[in-house]
Structures are given as structure tokens and as C-alpha cells.
Amino acid sequence: MTSEQIAHARAMLAEGHTRTNVAAHFGITRYALRFNLDPKYRAQVNRRARERRAVERAKPRPTNHVPEMTREAKADGERLLRGLPADTRGFTARLLGDPLPGRSALDHKREVARA
């Protein structure tokens, strides 16, 4: 806000207008109006923002390294996946969720019946 607008806003407040009405007159929020009219409030808001930024900067930043435990878990998962039979299903069977050949409940039931 310009100095003329600030003077006009102070005059409107002195006449009894509410902060909300004065802010609407200038097309700003009542918080922006208070920020412009009250230097102590502006200093307080800026101080709080500086303190918040300082706290955020003091936090440790994430690193890009992968912990050893994660590498071991990934290796274990890859080893287990190598032990699974190859997926011989077609696109439609995969899309519709058909089980691998020999792994369905019906195949298991047939094996039990043979034994």
C-alpha cells in the first residue's frame, strides 16, 4: 500500500469503519491491512517467520545413500524372485488375475485326488 492509501485507511478506521470493510475497500485481506498499518505487528510476523525458517534450516537434510540393511533386503527379495517359476501366462490371463499354471486351487485339488 502507498503512504496515501495507508493514511486513507487510518482515516476510515478513525471514522468507525471495521478493518474488514476498510480492507475490502482496498481489495486486500484484513490481515494484509493490519500488516501495513501496524509496524510492530509486521516486525512480529517477520521475526516469527525468520525463527521458523531457522528451525527448518537446522533440521538434518535427507541423504541419498542407501542403508546396508536396505541393500540386503533388496538382495533377499531378488533371490526369492529368482526361485519362482517363470510367468507363462498371456496378457489377458495376467490382466484378469489368473493364477500361474499348476498353482491354482483347482490344480491343487487334482493333485490331492491323485495321491
C-alpha atoms as a PDB file:
ATOM      1  CA  MET A   1       0.000   0.000   0.000  1.00  0.00           C
ATOM      2  CA  THR A   2       1.143   3.500  -0.721  1.00  0.00           C
ATOM      3  CA  SER A   3       1.519   6.077   2.034  1.00  0.00           C
ATOM      4  CA  GLU A   4      -1.643   7.852   0.778  1.00  0.00           C
ATOM      5  CA  GLN A   5      -3.615   4.612   0.976  1.00  0.00           C
ATOM      6  CA  ILE A   6      -2.307   3.951   4.486  1.00  0.00           C
ATOM      7  CA  ALA A   7      -3.353   7.458   5.567  1.00  0.00           C
ATOM      8  CA  HIS A   8      -6.783   6.959   3.987  1.00  0.00           C
ATOM      9  CA  ALA A   9      -7.170   3.571   5.709  1.00  0.00           C
ATOM     10  CA  ARG A  10      -6.270   5.092   9.086  1.00  0.00           C
ATOM     11  CA  ALA A  11      -8.829   7.859   8.493  1.00  0.00           C
ATOM     12  CA  MET A  12     -11.518   5.293   7.646  1.00  0.00           C
ATOM     13  CA  LEU A  13     -10.717   3.364  10.823  1.00  0.00           C
ATOM     14  CA  ALA A  14     -10.917   6.599  12.830  1.00  0.00           C
ATOM     15  CA  GLU A  15     -14.369   7.235  11.326  1.00  0.00           C
ATOM     16  CA  GLY A  16     -15.521   3.902  12.754  1.00  0.00           C
ATOM     17  CA  HIS A  17     -15.252   1.568   9.773  1.00  0.00           C
ATOM     18  CA  THR A  18     -14.289  -2.015  10.585  1.00  0.00           C
ATOM     19  CA  ARG A  19     -10.975  -3.472   9.474  1.00  0.00           C
ATOM     20  CA  THR A  20     -12.867  -5.891   7.218  1.00  0.00           C
ATOM     21  CA  ASN A  21     -14.689  -3.037   5.451  1.00  0.00           C
ATOM     22  CA  VAL A  22     -11.519  -0.981   5.073  1.00  0.00           C
ATOM     23  CA  ALA A  23      -9.636  -3.989   3.709  1.00  0.00           C
ATOM     24  CA  ALA A  24     -12.460  -4.721   1.249  1.00  0.00           C
ATOM     25  CA  HIS A  25     -12.327  -1.090   0.094  1.00  0.00           C
ATOM     26  CA  PHE A  26      -8.655  -1.534  -0.851  1.00  0.00           C
ATOM     27  CA  GLY A  27      -9.109  -5.086  -2.181  1.00  0.00           C
ATOM     28  CA  ILE A  28      -6.884  -6.766   0.406  1.00  0.00           C
ATOM     29  CA  THR A  29      -7.465  -9.009   3.403  1.00  0.00           C
ATOM     30  CA  ARG A  30      -7.828  -7.610   6.903  1.00  0.00           C
ATOM     31  CA  TYR A  31      -4.570  -9.361   7.797  1.00  0.00           C
ATOM     32  CA  ALA A  32      -2.735  -7.563   4.988  1.00  0.00           C
ATOM     33  CA  LEU A  33      -4.289  -4.308   6.180  1.00  0.00           C
ATOM     34  CA  ARG A  34      -3.029  -4.892   9.717  1.00  0.00           C
ATOM     35  CA  PHE A  35       0.375  -5.843   8.315  1.00  0.00           C
ATOM     36  CA  ASN A  36       0.554  -2.494   6.501  1.00  0.00           C
ATOM     37  CA  LEU A  37      -0.868  -0.327   9.312  1.00  0.00           C
ATOM     38  CA  ASP A  38       0.942  -1.773  12.330  1.00  0.00           C
ATOM     39  CA  PRO A  39       4.774  -1.827  12.095  1.00  0.00           C
ATOM     40  CA  LYS A  40       5.037  -3.753  15.382  1.00  0.00           C
ATOM     41  CA  TYR A  41       2.780  -6.483  14.005  1.00  0.00           C
ATOM     42  CA  ARG A  42       4.835  -6.606  10.796  1.00  0.00           C
ATOM     43  CA  ALA A  43       8.053  -6.951  12.819  1.00  0.00           C
ATOM     44  CA  GLN A  44       6.494  -9.688  14.949  1.00  0.00           C
ATOM     45  CA  VAL A  45       5.325 -11.659  11.887  1.00  0.00           C
ATOM     46  CA  ASN A  46       8.719 -11.290  10.220  1.00  0.00           C
ATOM     47  CA  ARG A  47      10.532 -12.373  13.401  1.00  0.00           C
ATOM     48  CA  ARG A  48       8.350 -15.482  13.696  1.00  0.00           C
ATOM     49  CA  ALA A  49       8.946 -16.326  10.040  1.00  0.00           C
ATOM     50  CA  ARG A  50      12.725 -15.936  10.489  1.00  0.00           C
ATOM     51  CA  GLU A  51      12.663 -18.205  13.543  1.00  0.00           C
ATOM     52  CA  ARG A  52      10.594 -20.816  11.695  1.00  0.00           C
ATOM     53  CA  ARG A  53      12.967 -20.752   8.713  1.00  0.00           C
ATOM     54  CA  ALA A  54      15.968 -21.078  11.050  1.00  0.00           C
ATOM     55  CA  VAL A  55      14.428 -24.154  12.659  1.00  0.00           C
ATOM     56  CA  GLU A  56      13.722 -25.678   9.238  1.00  0.00           C
ATOM     57  CA  ARG A  57      17.287 -24.986   8.072  1.00  0.00           C
ATOM     58  CA  ALA A  58      18.719 -26.560  11.231  1.00  0.00           C
ATOM     59  CA  LYS A  59      16.953 -29.877  10.557  1.00  0.00           C
ATOM     60  CA  PRO A  60      19.207 -32.516   9.005  1.00  0.00           C
ATOM     61  CA  ARG A  61      18.671 -32.882   5.303  1.00  0.00           C
ATOM     62  CA  PRO A  62      17.966 -36.324   3.861  1.00  0.00           C
ATOM     63  CA  THR A  63      20.945 -38.081   2.348  1.00  0.00           C
ATOM     64  CA  ASN A  64      20.972 -40.057  -0.871  1.00  0.00           C
ATOM     65  CA  HIS A  65      22.835 -43.067   0.450  1.00  0.00           C
ATOM     66  CA  VAL A  66      21.005 -46.389   0.798  1.00  0.00           C
ATOM     67  CA  PRO A  67      21.496 -48.086   4.172  1.00  0.00           C
ATOM     68  CA  GLU A  68      23.155 -51.522   4.196  1.00  0.00           C
ATOM     69  CA  MET A  69      20.003 -53.124   5.579  1.00  0.00           C
ATOM     70  CA  THR A  70      18.010 -51.879   2.569  1.00  0.00           C
ATOM     71  CA  ARG A  71      20.558 -53.342   0.152  1.00  0.00           C
ATOM     72  CA  GLU A  72      20.410 -56.679   1.974  1.00  0.00           C
ATOM     73  CA  ALA A  73      16.605 -56.702   1.869  1.00  0.00           C
ATOM     74  CA  LYS A  74      16.662 -55.931  -1.855  1.00  0.00           C
ATOM     75  CA  ALA A  75      19.148 -58.747  -2.481  1.00  0.00           C
ATOM     76  CA  ASP A  76      16.983 -61.169  -0.471  1.00  0.00           C
ATOM     77  CA  GLY A  77      13.922 -60.161  -2.474  1.00  0.00           C
ATOM     78  CA  GLU A  78      15.738 -60.654  -5.779  1.00  0.00           C
ATOM     79  CA  ARG A  79      16.984 -64.070  -4.614  1.00  0.00           C
ATOM     80  CA  LEU A  80      13.447 -65.132  -3.695  1.00  0.00           C
ATOM     81  CA  LEU A  81      12.053 -63.903  -7.017  1.00  0.00           C
ATOM     82  CA  ARG A  82      14.631 -65.976  -8.918  1.00  0.00           C
ATOM     83  CA  GLY A  83      13.208 -69.085  -7.212  1.00  0.00           C
ATOM     84  CA  LEU A  84       9.714 -68.507  -8.596  1.00  0.00           C
ATOM     85  CA  PRO A  85       8.695 -70.259 -11.817  1.00  0.00           C
ATOM     86  CA  ALA A  86       8.589 -68.184 -14.978  1.00  0.00           C
ATOM     87  CA  ASP A  87       5.288 -66.476 -15.681  1.00  0.00           C
ATOM     88  CA  THR A  88       3.945 -68.202 -18.805  1.00  0.00           C
ATOM     89  CA  ARG A  89       0.515 -66.579 -18.738  1.00  0.00           C
ATOM     90  CA  GLY A  90      -0.634 -64.453 -21.615  1.00  0.00           C
ATOM     91  CA  PHE A  91      -1.576 -60.795 -21.450  1.00  0.00           C
ATOM     92  CA  THR A  92      -5.258 -61.487 -20.790  1.00  0.00           C
ATOM     93  CA  ALA A  93      -4.522 -64.066 -18.084  1.00  0.00           C
ATOM     94  CA  ARG A  94      -2.206 -61.612 -16.319  1.00  0.00           C
ATOM     95  CA  LEU A  95      -4.698 -58.782 -16.715  1.00  0.00           C
ATOM     96  CA  LEU A  96      -7.586 -60.816 -15.306  1.00  0.00           C
ATOM     97  CA  GLY A  97      -5.515 -62.257 -12.453  1.00  0.00           C
ATOM     98  CA  ASP A  98      -5.470 -65.916 -13.448  1.00  0.00           C
ATOM     99  CA  PRO A  99      -3.082 -67.988 -11.305  1.00  0.00           C
ATOM    100  CA  LEU A 100       0.119 -69.458 -12.706  1.00  0.00           C
ATOM    101  CA  PRO A 101      -0.336 -72.905 -14.287  1.00  0.00           C
ATOM    102  CA  GLY A 102      -0.065 -75.536 -11.564  1.00  0.00           C
ATOM    103  CA  ARG A 103      -0.663 -73.019  -8.766  1.00  0.00           C
ATOM    104  CA  SER A 104      -4.455 -72.692  -8.759  1.00  0.00           C
ATOM    105  CA  ALA A 105      -6.747 -74.195  -6.125  1.00  0.00           C
ATOM    106  CA  LEU A 106      -8.215 -76.487  -8.782  1.00  0.00           C
ATOM    107  CA  ASP A 107      -4.754 -77.840  -9.694  1.00  0.00           C
ATOM    108  CA  HIS A 108      -4.014 -78.398  -6.002  1.00  0.00           C
ATOM    109  CA  LYS A 109      -7.323 -80.276  -5.596  1.00  0.00           C
ATOM    110  CA  ARG A 110      -6.467 -82.538  -8.553  1.00  0.00           C
ATOM    111  CA  GLU A 111      -3.036 -83.346  -7.070  1.00  0.00           C
ATOM    112  CA  VAL A 112      -4.600 -84.295  -3.736  1.00  0.00           C
ATOM    113  CA  ALA A 113      -7.158 -86.509  -5.509  1.00  0.00           C
ATOM    114  CA  ARG A 114      -4.370 -88.360  -7.407  1.00  0.00           C
ATOM    115  CA  ALA A 115      -2.398 -89.067  -4.260  1.00  0.00           C
END
